[in-house]
Amino acid sequence: MGLLGKESSRDVARADAFKVWISARPGHAIISLCSGVVAVLDAFTLVIGIAAGLLAIIAGLQGLGRIQSQPQLLGKRLCIAGMVLGSLGIVLSLVLWFVVYPMLSQQ
């Protein structure tokens, strides 16, 4: 569907290409990447940073397992990127809360 009017054949082709891209990857891979990004961007809040990081790691592991059991699926790099970002978000969150914020409160 076109954003501001009639949809063109280019819009339909783009939507079909996106459907193919999404259906070739497990949902865990996309969830892992999205929650990894949230973990890094929200590392300054301890609860959300760690929770999103753990979700990214768990979803990434599940996605990798599903990719191994169904070789036609793609998305291994999405899973790995999500797990790396999730781990980075957890580390950043812990460093901010237990190193940086106590140093700032002492001044």
Protein backbone atom coordinates (compact mmCIF):
# COMPACT_ATOMS: atom_id res chain seq x y z
CA MET A 1 0.00 0.00 0.00
CA GLY A 2 1.29 3.40 -0.91
CA LEU A 3 2.04 5.77 1.92
CA LEU A 4 0.38 8.83 0.43
CA GLY A 5 -1.92 7.59 -2.30
CA LYS A 6 -2.24 4.70 -4.68
CA GLU A 7 0.25 1.93 -4.40
CA SER A 8 2.48 1.48 -7.40
CA SER A 9 3.95 -1.67 -8.84
CA ARG A 10 7.23 -0.68 -7.21
CA ASP A 11 5.52 -0.64 -3.79
CA VAL A 12 4.06 -4.09 -4.41
CA ALA A 13 7.44 -5.45 -5.53
CA ARG A 14 9.14 -3.99 -2.45
CA ALA A 15 6.50 -5.52 -0.15
CA ASP A 16 6.86 -8.92 -1.84
CA ALA A 17 10.65 -8.78 -1.51
CA PHE A 18 10.30 -7.96 2.19
CA LYS A 19 7.91 -10.90 2.69
CA VAL A 20 10.45 -13.23 1.09
CA TRP A 21 13.25 -11.80 3.25
CA ILE A 22 11.26 -12.19 6.47
CA SER A 23 10.01 -15.70 5.72
CA ALA A 24 13.56 -16.94 5.03
CA ARG A 25 14.69 -16.08 8.57
CA PRO A 26 13.52 -17.42 11.92
CA GLY A 27 11.70 -14.96 14.15
CA HIS A 28 14.24 -15.58 16.89
CA ALA A 29 16.96 -13.98 14.75
CA ILE A 30 15.00 -10.77 14.30
CA ILE A 31 13.98 -10.67 17.97
CA SER A 32 17.60 -11.23 18.97
CA LEU A 33 18.85 -8.36 16.85
CA CYS A 34 16.13 -5.94 17.94
CA SER A 35 16.51 -6.69 21.64
CA GLY A 36 20.31 -6.48 21.30
CA VAL A 37 19.98 -2.99 19.90
CA VAL A 38 17.61 -2.07 22.75
CA ALA A 39 20.08 -3.48 25.28
CA VAL A 40 22.90 -1.28 23.98
CA LEU A 41 20.78 1.85 23.62
CA ASP A 42 19.17 1.41 27.03
CA ALA A 43 22.26 0.33 28.95
CA PHE A 44 21.94 3.29 31.30
CA THR A 45 18.92 1.64 32.91
CA LEU A 46 20.02 -1.49 34.72
CA VAL A 47 16.81 -3.51 34.44
CA ILE A 48 16.00 -2.89 30.78
CA GLY A 49 19.61 -3.16 29.62
CA ILE A 50 20.19 -6.51 31.29
CA ALA A 51 16.74 -7.92 30.48
CA ALA A 52 16.98 -6.98 26.81
CA GLY A 53 20.53 -8.35 26.68
CA LEU A 54 19.47 -11.66 28.15
CA LEU A 55 16.54 -11.84 25.74
CA ALA A 56 18.91 -11.17 22.83
CA ILE A 57 21.27 -13.94 23.90
CA ILE A 58 18.51 -16.49 24.54
CA ALA A 59 16.67 -15.68 21.30
CA GLY A 60 19.94 -15.78 19.36
CA LEU A 61 20.79 -19.22 20.71
CA GLN A 62 17.32 -20.50 19.90
CA GLY A 63 17.56 -19.00 16.41
CA LEU A 64 20.92 -20.64 15.80
CA GLY A 65 19.49 -23.97 16.93
CA ARG A 66 16.56 -23.60 14.58
CA ILE A 67 18.87 -22.66 11.70
CA GLN A 68 20.98 -25.76 12.34
CA SER A 69 17.93 -28.01 12.37
CA GLN A 70 16.42 -26.39 9.25
CA PRO A 71 19.32 -25.61 6.87
CA GLN A 72 17.11 -23.75 4.37
CA LEU A 73 16.68 -20.90 6.88
CA LEU A 74 18.96 -17.88 6.80
CA GLY A 75 19.79 -15.44 9.57
CA LYS A 76 22.88 -16.82 11.29
CA ARG A 77 24.56 -13.41 11.18
CA LEU A 78 21.45 -11.76 12.64
CA CYS A 79 21.55 -14.19 15.58
CA ILE A 80 25.26 -13.62 16.16
CA ALA A 81 24.89 -9.84 15.91
CA GLY A 82 21.99 -9.92 18.36
CA MET A 83 23.95 -12.01 20.85
CA VAL A 84 27.00 -9.74 20.56
CA LEU A 85 24.89 -6.61 21.02
CA GLY A 86 23.04 -8.23 23.94
CA SER A 87 26.32 -9.12 25.65
CA LEU A 88 27.64 -5.63 25.04
CA GLY A 89 24.46 -4.13 26.47
CA ILE A 90 24.78 -6.24 29.63
CA VAL A 91 28.44 -5.28 30.09
CA LEU A 92 27.74 -1.59 29.46
CA SER A 93 24.85 -1.64 31.89
CA LEU A 94 26.92 -3.26 34.64
CA VAL A 95 29.87 -0.92 34.05
CA LEU A 96 27.63 2.14 34.14
CA TRP A 97 25.83 1.11 37.31
CA PHE A 98 28.75 -0.26 39.31
CA VAL A 99 31.66 1.89 38.09
CA VAL A 100 30.57 5.14 36.45
CA TYR A 101 27.52 6.11 38.49
CA PRO A 102 29.26 5.55 41.89
CA MET A 103 32.18 7.67 40.67
CA LEU A 104 29.81 10.45 39.69
CA SER A 105 28.00 10.34 43.01
CA GLN A 106 31.25 10.80 44.94
CA GLN A 107 31.96 14.15 43.30
